[in-house]
Amino acid sequence: SDRVLCQIKRYPWRPLLGELGFVGLRGTGFLLTLLAIIPL
C-alpha cells in the first residue's frame, strides 16, 4: 500500500512561471537596494 506512485501528467508550466515571479521579485529587491545608493 505504500508503493502507490503518483505520476505527473503535464509539463510544470505553472510552477515555472511562479519561479519566474520569485526570481523577478528577488531581482527587484536588489534593484531597489542599489537605487537607495545611486540613481538609476
PDB file of all heavy atoms in Angstrom:
ATOM      1  N   SER A   1       0.821  -1.211   0.000  1.00  0.00           N
ATOM      2  CA  SER A   1       0.000   0.000   0.000  1.00  0.00           C
ATOM      3  C   SER A   1       0.854   1.259   0.000  1.00  0.00           C
ATOM      4  O   SER A   1       0.418   2.318  -0.433  1.00  0.00           O
ATOM      5  CB  SER A   1      -0.917   0.017   1.231  1.00  0.00           C
ATOM      6  OG  SER A   1      -0.144   0.060   2.431  1.00  0.00           O
ATOM      7  N   ASP A   2       2.091   1.163   0.500  1.00  0.00           N
ATOM      8  CA  ASP A   2       2.983   2.313   0.499  1.00  0.00           C
ATOM      9  C   ASP A   2       3.601   2.551  -0.866  1.00  0.00           C
ATOM     10  O   ASP A   2       4.266   3.556  -1.074  1.00  0.00           O
ATOM     11  CB  ASP A   2       4.114   2.113   1.523  1.00  0.00           C
ATOM     12  CG  ASP A   2       3.615   2.234   2.940  1.00  0.00           C
ATOM     13  OD1 ASP A   2       2.538   2.843   3.119  1.00  0.00           O
ATOM     14  OD2 ASP A   2       4.283   1.705   3.851  1.00  0.00           O
ATOM     15  N   ARG A   3       3.389   1.641  -1.799  1.00  0.00           N
ATOM     16  CA  ARG A   3       4.053   1.758  -3.085  1.00  0.00           C
ATOM     17  C   ARG A   3       3.203   2.474  -4.134  1.00  0.00           C
ATOM     18  O   ARG A   3       3.548   2.483  -5.300  1.00  0.00           O
ATOM     19  CB  ARG A   3       4.426   0.369  -3.608  1.00  0.00           C
ATOM     20  CG  ARG A   3       5.302  -0.410  -2.631  1.00  0.00           C
ATOM     21  CD  ARG A   3       5.840  -1.662  -3.270  1.00  0.00           C
ATOM     22  NE  ARG A   3       6.539  -2.474  -2.293  1.00  0.00           N
ATOM     23  CZ  ARG A   3       7.329  -3.479  -2.600  1.00  0.00           C
ATOM     24  NH1 ARG A   3       7.526  -3.809  -3.851  1.00  0.00           N
ATOM     25  NH2 ARG A   3       7.928  -4.172  -1.650  1.00  0.00           N
ATOM     26  N   VAL A   4       2.081   3.041  -3.711  1.00  0.00           N
ATOM     27  CA  VAL A   4       1.255   3.780  -4.658  1.00  0.00           C
ATOM     28  C   VAL A   4       2.052   4.968  -5.173  1.00  0.00           C
ATOM     29  O   VAL A   4       2.546   5.786  -4.392  1.00  0.00           O
ATOM     30  CB  VAL A   4      -0.046   4.257  -3.980  1.00  0.00           C
ATOM     31  CG1 VAL A   4      -0.853   5.104  -4.945  1.00  0.00           C
ATOM     32  CG2 VAL A   4      -0.850   3.054  -3.515  1.00  0.00           C
ATOM     33  N   LEU A   5       2.174   5.067  -6.475  1.00  0.00           N
ATOM     34  CA  LEU A   5       3.038   6.074  -7.075  1.00  0.00           C
ATOM     35  C   LEU A   5       2.218   7.064  -7.879  1.00  0.00           C
ATOM     36  O   LEU A   5       1.490   6.688  -8.785  1.00  0.00           O
ATOM     37  CB  LEU A   5       4.062   5.389  -7.984  1.00  0.00           C
ATOM     38  CG  LEU A   5       5.148   6.288  -8.597  1.00  0.00           C
ATOM     39  CD1 LEU A   5       6.002   6.899  -7.498  1.00  0.00           C
ATOM     40  CD2 LEU A   5       6.001   5.483  -9.554  1.00  0.00           C
ATOM     41  N   CYS A   6       2.307   8.336  -7.514  1.00  0.00           N
ATOM     42  CA  CYS A   6       1.607   9.380  -8.255  1.00  0.00           C
ATOM     43  C   CYS A   6       2.490   9.844  -9.403  1.00  0.00           C
ATOM     44  O   CYS A   6       3.701   9.991  -9.254  1.00  0.00           O
ATOM     45  CB  CYS A   6       1.275  10.557  -7.342  1.00  0.00           C
ATOM     46  SG  CYS A   6       0.092  10.133  -6.051  1.00  0.00           S
ATOM     47  N   GLN A   7       1.867  10.066 -10.542  1.00  0.00           N
ATOM     48  CA  GLN A   7       2.593  10.479 -11.730  1.00  0.00           C
ATOM     49  C   GLN A   7       2.247  11.928 -12.072  1.00  0.00           C
ATOM     50  O   GLN A   7       1.120  12.370 -11.881  1.00  0.00           O
ATOM     51  CB  GLN A   7       2.219   9.577 -12.916  1.00  0.00           C
ATOM     52  CG  GLN A   7       2.541   8.106 -12.700  1.00  0.00           C
ATOM     53  CD  GLN A   7       4.019   7.821 -12.826  1.00  0.00           C
ATOM     54  OE1 GLN A   7       4.634   8.077 -13.841  1.00  0.00           O
ATOM     55  NE2 GLN A   7       4.599   7.272 -11.768  1.00  0.00           N
ATOM     56  N   ILE A   8       3.223  12.653 -12.571  1.00  0.00           N
ATOM     57  CA  ILE A   8       2.957  13.990 -13.063  1.00  0.00           C
ATOM     58  C   ILE A   8       2.487  13.862 -14.512  1.00  0.00           C
ATOM     59  O   ILE A   8       3.091  13.151 -15.315  1.00  0.00           O
ATOM     60  CB  ILE A   8       4.208  14.893 -12.943  1.00  0.00           C
ATOM     61  CG1 ILE A   8       3.877  16.317 -13.359  1.00  0.00           C
ATOM     62  CG2 ILE A   8       5.377  14.348 -13.746  1.00  0.00           C
ATOM     63  CD1 ILE A   8       4.984  17.293 -13.045  1.00  0.00           C
ATOM     64  N   LYS A   9       1.363  14.498 -14.842  1.00  0.00           N
ATOM     65  CA  LYS A   9       0.719  14.271 -16.121  1.00  0.00           C
ATOM     66  C   LYS A   9       0.938  15.400 -17.128  1.00  0.00           C
ATOM     67  O   LYS A   9       0.578  15.271 -18.289  1.00  0.00           O
ATOM     68  CB  LYS A   9      -0.787  14.075 -15.911  1.00  0.00           C
ATOM     69  CG  LYS A   9      -1.120  12.852 -15.063  1.00  0.00           C
ATOM     70  CD  LYS A   9      -2.617  12.698 -14.872  1.00  0.00           C
ATOM     71  CE  LYS A   9      -2.934  11.471 -14.027  1.00  0.00           C
ATOM     72  NZ  LYS A   9      -4.403  11.307 -13.818  1.00  0.00           N
ATOM     73  N   ARG A  10       1.515  16.508 -16.693  1.00  0.00           N
ATOM     74  CA  ARG A  10       1.699  17.630 -17.609  1.00  0.00           C
ATOM     75  C   ARG A  10       3.002  18.345 -17.302  1.00  0.00           C
ATOM     76  O   ARG A  10       3.568  18.182 -16.214  1.00  0.00           O
ATOM     77  CB  ARG A  10       0.532  18.605 -17.482  1.00  0.00           C
ATOM     78  CG  ARG A  10       0.385  19.196 -16.085  1.00  0.00           C
ATOM     79  CD  ARG A  10      -0.876  19.996 -15.932  1.00  0.00           C
ATOM     80  NE  ARG A  10      -0.985  20.514 -14.571  1.00  0.00           N
ATOM     81  CZ  ARG A  10      -2.044  21.152 -14.113  1.00  0.00           C
ATOM     82  NH1 ARG A  10      -3.087  21.345 -14.908  1.00  0.00           N
ATOM     83  NH2 ARG A  10      -2.074  21.598 -12.866  1.00  0.00           N
ATOM     84  N   TYR A  11       3.456  19.115 -18.253  1.00  0.00           N
ATOM     85  CA  TYR A  11       4.688  19.879 -18.042  1.00  0.00           C
ATOM     86  C   TYR A  11       4.427  20.928 -16.954  1.00  0.00           C
ATOM     87  O   TYR A  11       3.396  21.596 -16.965  1.00  0.00           O
ATOM     88  CB  TYR A  11       5.118  20.555 -19.337  1.00  0.00           C
ATOM     89  CG  TYR A  11       6.561  20.976 -19.336  1.00  0.00           C
ATOM     90  CD1 TYR A  11       7.555  20.096 -19.722  1.00  0.00           C
ATOM     91  CD2 TYR A  11       6.929  22.255 -18.921  1.00  0.00           C
ATOM     92  CE1 TYR A  11       8.892  20.477 -19.709  1.00  0.00           C
ATOM     93  CE2 TYR A  11       8.248  22.647 -18.896  1.00  0.00           C
ATOM     94  CZ  TYR A  11       9.229  21.750 -19.301  1.00  0.00           C
ATOM     95  OH  TYR A  11      10.556  22.127 -19.262  1.00  0.00           O
ATOM     96  N   PRO A  12       5.365  21.109 -16.012  1.00  0.00           N
ATOM     97  CA  PRO A  12       5.112  22.018 -14.875  1.00  0.00           C
ATOM     98  C   PRO A  12       5.250  23.503 -15.232  1.00  0.00           C
ATOM     99  O   PRO A  12       6.069  24.235 -14.651  1.00  0.00           O
ATOM    100  CB  PRO A  12       6.169  21.580 -13.850  1.00  0.00           C
ATOM    101  CG  PRO A  12       7.293  21.072 -14.679  1.00  0.00           C
ATOM    102  CD  PRO A  12       6.646  20.391 -15.859  1.00  0.00           C
ATOM    103  N   TRP A  13       4.422  23.937 -16.195  1.00  0.00           N
ATOM    104  CA  TRP A  13       4.486  25.332 -16.617  1.00  0.00           C
ATOM    105  C   TRP A  13       4.112  26.290 -15.489  1.00  0.00           C
ATOM    106  O   TRP A  13       4.726  27.350 -15.326  1.00  0.00           O
ATOM    107  CB  TRP A  13       3.563  25.568 -17.812  1.00  0.00           C
ATOM    108  CG  TRP A  13       4.048  24.960 -19.083  1.00  0.00           C
ATOM    109  CD1 TRP A  13       3.470  23.931 -19.777  1.00  0.00           C
ATOM    110  CD2 TRP A  13       5.216  25.344 -19.828  1.00  0.00           C
ATOM    111  NE1 TRP A  13       4.215  23.637 -20.895  1.00  0.00           N
ATOM    112  CE2 TRP A  13       5.288  24.486 -20.956  1.00  0.00           C
ATOM    113  CE3 TRP A  13       6.211  26.305 -19.653  1.00  0.00           C
ATOM    114  CZ2 TRP A  13       6.297  24.589 -21.904  1.00  0.00           C
ATOM    115  CZ3 TRP A  13       7.221  26.401 -20.588  1.00  0.00           C
ATOM    116  CH2 TRP A  13       7.253  25.551 -21.699  1.00  0.00           C
ATOM    117  N   ARG A  14       3.073  25.925 -14.733  1.00  0.00           N
ATOM    118  CA  ARG A  14       2.606  26.822 -13.677  1.00  0.00           C
ATOM    119  C   ARG A  14       3.683  27.080 -12.619  1.00  0.00           C
ATOM    120  O   ARG A  14       3.965  28.247 -12.291  1.00  0.00           O
ATOM    121  CB  ARG A  14       1.339  26.241 -13.047  1.00  0.00           C
ATOM    122  CG  ARG A  14       0.678  27.162 -12.025  1.00  0.00           C
ATOM    123  CD  ARG A  14      -0.467  26.432 -11.349  1.00  0.00           C
ATOM    124  NE  ARG A  14      -1.131  27.234 -10.349  1.00  0.00           N
ATOM    125  CZ  ARG A  14      -1.755  26.753  -9.297  1.00  0.00           C
ATOM    126  NH1 ARG A  14      -1.817  25.437  -9.115  1.00  0.00           N
ATOM    127  NH2 ARG A  14      -2.345  27.539  -8.424  1.00  0.00           N
ATOM    128  N   PRO A  15       4.326  26.032 -12.058  1.00  0.00           N
ATOM    129  CA  PRO A  15       5.417  26.309 -11.117  1.00  0.00           C
ATOM    130  C   PRO A  15       6.575  27.071 -11.763  1.00  0.00           C
ATOM    131  O   PRO A  15       7.207  27.903 -11.102  1.00  0.00           O
ATOM    132  CB  PRO A  15       5.855  24.911 -10.664  1.00  0.00           C
ATOM    133  CG  PRO A  15       4.669  24.047 -10.893  1.00  0.00           C
ATOM    134  CD  PRO A  15       4.012  24.593 -12.115  1.00  0.00           C
ATOM    135  N   LEU A  16       6.853  26.793 -13.047  1.00  0.00           N
ATOM    136  CA  LEU A  16       7.941  27.508 -13.725  1.00  0.00           C
ATOM    137  C   LEU A  16       7.635  28.993 -13.815  1.00  0.00           C
ATOM    138  O   LEU A  16       8.497  29.841 -13.546  1.00  0.00           O
ATOM    139  CB  LEU A  16       8.164  26.917 -15.119  1.00  0.00           C
ATOM    140  CG  LEU A  16       9.251  27.586 -15.968  1.00  0.00           C
ATOM    141  CD1 LEU A  16      10.601  27.540 -15.257  1.00  0.00           C
ATOM    142  CD2 LEU A  16       9.352  26.914 -17.331  1.00  0.00           C
ATOM    143  N   LEU A  17       6.413  29.336 -14.185  1.00  0.00           N
ATOM    144  CA  LEU A  17       6.018  30.746 -14.224  1.00  0.00           C
ATOM    145  C   LEU A  17       6.061  31.346 -12.822  1.00  0.00           C
ATOM    146  O   LEU A  17       6.422  32.519 -12.646  1.00  0.00           O
ATOM    147  CB  LEU A  17       4.618  30.880 -14.823  1.00  0.00           C
ATOM    148  CG  LEU A  17       4.493  30.547 -16.315  1.00  0.00           C
ATOM    149  CD1 LEU A  17       3.041  30.583 -16.756  1.00  0.00           C
ATOM    150  CD2 LEU A  17       5.328  31.515 -17.150  1.00  0.00           C
ATOM    151  N   GLY A  18       5.689  30.541 -11.824  1.00  0.00           N
ATOM    152  CA  GLY A  18       5.766  31.017 -10.446  1.00  0.00           C
ATOM    153  C   GLY A  18       7.186  31.344 -10.031  1.00  0.00           C
ATOM    154  O   GLY A  18       7.435  32.360  -9.361  1.00  0.00           O
ATOM    155  N   GLU A  19       8.132  30.510 -10.437  1.00  0.00           N
ATOM    156  CA  GLU A  19       9.537  30.776 -10.103  1.00  0.00           C
ATOM    157  C   GLU A  19      10.080  31.977 -10.875  1.00  0.00           C
ATOM    158  O   GLU A  19      10.978  32.675 -10.380  1.00  0.00           O
ATOM    159  CB  GLU A  19      10.402  29.544 -10.371  1.00  0.00           C
ATOM    160  CG  GLU A  19      10.021  28.309  -9.559  1.00  0.00           C
ATOM    161  CD  GLU A  19      10.146  28.487  -8.058  1.00  0.00           C
ATOM    162  OE1 GLU A  19      10.547  29.579  -7.598  1.00  0.00           O
ATOM    163  OE2 GLU A  19       9.841  27.528  -7.332  1.00  0.00           O
ATOM    164  N   LEU A  20       9.549  32.224 -12.063  1.00  0.00           N
ATOM    165  CA  LEU A  20       9.902  33.463 -12.766  1.00  0.00           C
ATOM    166  C   LEU A  20       9.512  34.672 -11.928  1.00  0.00           C
ATOM    167  O   LEU A  20      10.262  35.652 -11.828  1.00  0.00           O
ATOM    168  CB  LEU A  20       9.208  33.515 -14.129  1.00  0.00           C
ATOM    169  CG  LEU A  20       9.873  32.766 -15.286  1.00  0.00           C
ATOM    170  CD1 LEU A  20       8.931  32.692 -16.482  1.00  0.00           C
ATOM    171  CD2 LEU A  20      11.180  33.459 -15.682  1.00  0.00           C
ATOM    172  N   GLY A  21       8.324  34.589 -11.329  1.00  0.00           N
ATOM    173  CA  GLY A  21       7.898  35.657 -10.439  1.00  0.00           C
ATOM    174  C   GLY A  21       8.802  35.785  -9.226  1.00  0.00           C
ATOM    175  O   GLY A  21       9.131  36.903  -8.803  1.00  0.00           O
ATOM    176  N   PHE A  22       9.233  34.645  -8.668  1.00  0.00           N
ATOM    177  CA  PHE A  22      10.110  34.672  -7.496  1.00  0.00           C
ATOM    178  C   PHE A  22      11.440  35.340  -7.811  1.00  0.00           C
ATOM    179  O   PHE A  22      11.880  36.257  -7.094  1.00  0.00           O
ATOM    180  CB  PHE A  22      10.349  33.247  -6.996  1.00  0.00           C
ATOM    181  CG  PHE A  22      11.462  33.130  -5.997  1.00  0.00           C
ATOM    182  CD1 PHE A  22      11.317  33.628  -4.709  1.00  0.00           C
ATOM    183  CD2 PHE A  22      12.666  32.531  -6.345  1.00  0.00           C
ATOM    184  CE1 PHE A  22      12.348  33.531  -3.780  1.00  0.00           C
ATOM    185  CE2 PHE A  22      13.695  32.424  -5.426  1.00  0.00           C
ATOM    186  CZ  PHE A  22      13.532  32.927  -4.144  1.00  0.00           C
ATOM    187  N   VAL A  23      12.096  34.908  -8.892  1.00  0.00           N
ATOM    188  CA  VAL A  23      13.391  35.494  -9.244  1.00  0.00           C
ATOM    189  C   VAL A  23      13.216  36.968  -9.620  1.00  0.00           C
ATOM    190  O   VAL A  23      14.065  37.812  -9.297  1.00  0.00           O
ATOM    191  CB  VAL A  23      14.055  34.709 -10.395  1.00  0.00           C
ATOM    192  CG1 VAL A  23      15.398  35.333 -10.770  1.00  0.00           C
ATOM    193  CG2 VAL A  23      14.265  33.249  -9.998  1.00  0.00           C
ATOM    194  N   GLY A  24      12.089  37.287 -10.280  1.00  0.00           N
ATOM    195  CA  GLY A  24      11.823  38.683 -10.616  1.00  0.00           C
ATOM    196  C   GLY A  24      11.672  39.544  -9.374  1.00  0.00           C
ATOM    197  O   GLY A  24      12.177  40.680  -9.319  1.00  0.00           O
ATOM    198  N   LEU A  25      10.987  39.024  -8.349  1.00  0.00           N
ATOM    199  CA  LEU A  25      10.850  39.761  -7.096  1.00  0.00           C
ATOM    200  C   LEU A  25      12.200  39.924  -6.399  1.00  0.00           C
ATOM    201  O   LEU A  25      12.507  41.004  -5.863  1.00  0.00           O
ATOM    202  CB  LEU A  25       9.870  39.033  -6.173  1.00  0.00           C
ATOM    203  CG  LEU A  25       8.384  39.132  -6.551  1.00  0.00           C
ATOM    204  CD1 LEU A  25       7.564  38.132  -5.735  1.00  0.00           C
ATOM    205  CD2 LEU A  25       7.863  40.547  -6.325  1.00  0.00           C
ATOM    206  N   ARG A  26      13.017  38.864  -6.412  1.00  0.00           N
ATOM    207  CA  ARG A  26      14.343  38.977  -5.799  1.00  0.00           C
ATOM    208  C   ARG A  26      15.189  40.007  -6.546  1.00  0.00           C
ATOM    209  O   ARG A  26      15.908  40.802  -5.927  1.00  0.00           O
ATOM    210  CB  ARG A  26      15.050  37.614  -5.815  1.00  0.00           C
ATOM    211  CG  ARG A  26      14.414  36.527  -4.961  1.00  0.00           C
ATOM    212  CD  ARG A  26      14.439  36.872  -3.480  1.00  0.00           C
ATOM    213  NE  ARG A  26      15.774  37.138  -2.987  1.00  0.00           N
ATOM    214  CZ  ARG A  26      16.606  36.216  -2.504  1.00  0.00           C
ATOM    215  NH1 ARG A  26      16.215  34.935  -2.448  1.00  0.00           N
ATOM    216  NH2 ARG A  26      17.789  36.539  -2.047  1.00  0.00           N
ATOM    217  N   GLY A  27      15.100  39.986  -7.862  1.00  0.00           N
ATOM    218  CA  GLY A  27      15.836  40.972  -8.646  1.00  0.00           C
ATOM    219  C   GLY A  27      15.357  42.390  -8.375  1.00  0.00           C
ATOM    220  O   GLY A  27      16.156  43.339  -8.339  1.00  0.00           O
ATOM    221  N   THR A  28      14.053  42.558  -8.176  1.00  0.00           N
ATOM    222  CA  THR A  28      13.507  43.875  -7.851  1.00  0.00           C
ATOM    223  C   THR A  28      14.040  44.361  -6.500  1.00  0.00           C
ATOM    224  O   THR A  28      14.358  45.546  -6.332  1.00  0.00           O
ATOM    225  CB  THR A  28      11.966  43.816  -7.810  1.00  0.00           C
ATOM    226  OG1 THR A  28      11.482  43.395  -9.096  1.00  0.00           O
ATOM    227  CG2 THR A  28      11.378  45.175  -7.473  1.00  0.00           C
ATOM    228  N   GLY A  29      14.144  43.440  -5.537  1.00  0.00           N
ATOM    229  CA  GLY A  29      14.715  43.803  -4.246  1.00  0.00           C
ATOM    230  C   GLY A  29      16.149  44.288  -4.386  1.00  0.00           C
ATOM    231  O   GLY A  29      16.551  45.274  -3.740  1.00  0.00           O
ATOM    232  N   PHE A  30      16.928  43.624  -5.236  1.00  0.00           N
ATOM    233  CA  PHE A  30      18.313  44.044  -5.462  1.00  0.00           C
ATOM    234  C   PHE A  30      18.362  45.395  -6.170  1.00  0.00           C
ATOM    235  O   PHE A  30      19.169  46.266  -5.820  1.00  0.00           O
ATOM    236  CB  PHE A  30      19.050  42.992  -6.291  1.00  0.00           C
ATOM    237  CG  PHE A  30      20.469  43.356  -6.602  1.00  0.00           C
ATOM    238  CD1 PHE A  30      21.432  43.341  -5.610  1.00  0.00           C
ATOM    239  CD2 PHE A  30      20.841  43.724  -7.885  1.00  0.00           C
ATOM    240  CE1 PHE A  30      22.760  43.685  -5.890  1.00  0.00           C
ATOM    241  CE2 PHE A  30      22.154  44.068  -8.176  1.00  0.00           C
ATOM    242  CZ  PHE A  30      23.109  44.047  -7.168  1.00  0.00           C
ATOM    243  N   LEU A  31      17.498  45.574  -7.169  1.00  0.00           N
ATOM    244  CA  LEU A  31      17.448  46.853  -7.887  1.00  0.00           C
ATOM    245  C   LEU A  31      17.126  47.992  -6.928  1.00  0.00           C
ATOM    246  O   LEU A  31      17.752  49.062  -6.986  1.00  0.00           O
ATOM    247  CB  LEU A  31      16.398  46.761  -9.000  1.00  0.00           C
ATOM    248  CG  LEU A  31      16.257  47.948  -9.956  1.00  0.00           C
ATOM    249  CD1 LEU A  31      15.785  47.452 -11.320  1.00  0.00           C
ATOM    250  CD2 LEU A  31      15.247  48.974  -9.435  1.00  0.00           C
ATOM    251  N   LEU A  32      16.154  47.789  -6.034  1.00  0.00           N
ATOM    252  CA  LEU A  32      15.788  48.830  -5.072  1.00  0.00           C
ATOM    253  C   LEU A  32      16.938  49.116  -4.113  1.00  0.00           C
ATOM    254  O   LEU A  32      17.146  50.270  -3.703  1.00  0.00           O
ATOM    255  CB  LEU A  32      14.547  48.400  -4.286  1.00  0.00           C
ATOM    256  CG  LEU A  32      13.230  48.377  -5.063  1.00  0.00           C
ATOM    257  CD1 LEU A  32      12.138  47.705  -4.244  1.00  0.00           C
ATOM    258  CD2 LEU A  32      12.815  49.797  -5.458  1.00  0.00           C
ATOM    259  N   THR A  33      17.699  48.088  -3.758  1.00  0.00           N
ATOM    260  CA  THR A  33      18.846  48.278  -2.870  1.00  0.00           C
ATOM    261  C   THR A  33      19.895  49.166  -3.521  1.00  0.00           C
ATOM    262  O   THR A  33      20.436  50.089  -2.881  1.00  0.00           O
ATOM    263  CB  THR A  33      19.462  46.921  -2.494  1.00  0.00           C
ATOM    264  OG1 THR A  33      18.465  46.091  -1.909  1.00  0.00           O
ATOM    265  CG2 THR A  33      20.608  47.102  -1.512  1.00  0.00           C
ATOM    266  N   LEU A  34      20.188  48.911  -4.790  1.00  0.00           N
ATOM    267  CA  LEU A  34      21.155  49.755  -5.496  1.00  0.00           C
ATOM    268  C   LEU A  34      20.600  51.163  -5.704  1.00  0.00           C
ATOM    269  O   LEU A  34      21.335  52.148  -5.621  1.00  0.00           O
ATOM    270  CB  LEU A  34      21.509  49.119  -6.848  1.00  0.00           C
ATOM    271  CG  LEU A  34      22.610  49.795  -7.667  1.00  0.00           C
ATOM    272  CD1 LEU A  34      23.918  49.852  -6.868  1.00  0.00           C
ATOM    273  CD2 LEU A  34      22.840  49.068  -8.986  1.00  0.00           C
ATOM    274  N   LEU A  35      19.282  51.262  -5.945  1.00  0.00           N
ATOM    275  CA  LEU A  35      18.649  52.564  -6.141  1.00  0.00           C
ATOM    276  C   LEU A  35      18.733  53.418  -4.888  1.00  0.00           C
ATOM    277  O   LEU A  35      18.760  54.655  -4.963  1.00  0.00           O
ATOM    278  CB  LEU A  35      17.187  52.361  -6.543  1.00  0.00           C
ATOM    279  CG  LEU A  35      16.351  53.618  -6.823  1.00  0.00           C
ATOM    280  CD1 LEU A  35      16.934  54.400  -7.991  1.00  0.00           C
ATOM    281  CD2 LEU A  35      14.903  53.237  -7.105  1.00  0.00           C
ATOM    282  N   ALA A  36      18.770  52.795  -3.724  1.00  0.00           N
ATOM    283  CA  ALA A  36      18.899  53.545  -2.477  1.00  0.00           C
ATOM    284  C   ALA A  36      20.265  54.197  -2.342  1.00  0.00           C
ATOM    285  O   ALA A  36      20.438  55.128  -1.548  1.00  0.00           O
ATOM    286  CB  ALA A  36      18.653  52.615  -1.283  1.00  0.00           C
ATOM    287  N   ILE A  37      21.235  53.731  -3.132  1.00  0.00           N
ATOM    288  CA  ILE A  37      22.607  54.234  -3.024  1.00  0.00           C
ATOM    289  C   ILE A  37      22.937  55.203  -4.147  1.00  0.00           C
ATOM    290  O   ILE A  37      23.528  56.258  -3.921  1.00  0.00           O
ATOM    291  CB  ILE A  37      23.594  53.056  -3.025  1.00  0.00           C
ATOM    292  CG1 ILE A  37      23.338  52.164  -1.805  1.00  0.00           C
ATOM    293  CG2 ILE A  37      25.039  53.535  -3.043  1.00  0.00           C
ATOM    294  CD1 ILE A  37      24.149  50.903  -1.790  1.00  0.00           C
ATOM    295  N   ILE A  38      22.550  54.844  -5.373  1.00  0.00           N
ATOM    296  CA  ILE A  38      22.835  55.696  -6.529  1.00  0.00           C
ATOM    297  C   ILE A  38      21.590  55.784  -7.407  1.00  0.00           C
ATOM    298  O   ILE A  38      20.761  54.882  -7.410  1.00  0.00           O
ATOM    299  CB  ILE A  38      24.016  55.143  -7.369  1.00  0.00           C
ATOM    300  CG1 ILE A  38      23.710  53.724  -7.838  1.00  0.00           C
ATOM    301  CG2 ILE A  38      25.321  55.210  -6.597  1.00  0.00           C
ATOM    302  CD1 ILE A  38      24.750  53.167  -8.801  1.00  0.00           C
ATOM    303  N   PRO A  39      21.436  56.875  -8.175  1.00  0.00           N
ATOM    304  CA  PRO A  39      20.292  56.971  -9.098  1.00  0.00           C
ATOM    305  C   PRO A  39      20.473  55.995 -10.261  1.00  0.00           C
ATOM    306  O   PRO A  39      21.597  55.717 -10.692  1.00  0.00           O
ATOM    307  CB  PRO A  39      20.341  58.429  -9.567  1.00  0.00           C
ATOM    308  CG  PRO A  39      21.760  58.852  -9.360  1.00  0.00           C
ATOM    309  CD  PRO A  39      22.266  58.102  -8.161  1.00  0.00           C
ATOM    310  N   LEU A  40      19.372  55.464 -10.766  1.00  0.00           N
ATOM    311  CA  LEU A  40      19.401  54.503 -11.860  1.00  0.00           C
ATOM    312  C   LEU A  40      18.510  54.992 -12.991  1.00  0.00           C
ATOM    313  O   LEU A  40      17.433  55.519 -12.751  1.00  0.00           O
ATOM    314  CB  LEU A  40      18.925  53.126 -11.391  1.00  0.00           C
ATOM    315  CG  LEU A  40      19.764  52.427 -10.323  1.00  0.00           C
ATOM    316  CD1 LEU A  40      19.068  51.141  -9.877  1.00  0.00           C
ATOM    317  CD2 LEU A  40      21.150  52.107 -10.857  1.00  0.00           C
TER     318      LEU A  40
END
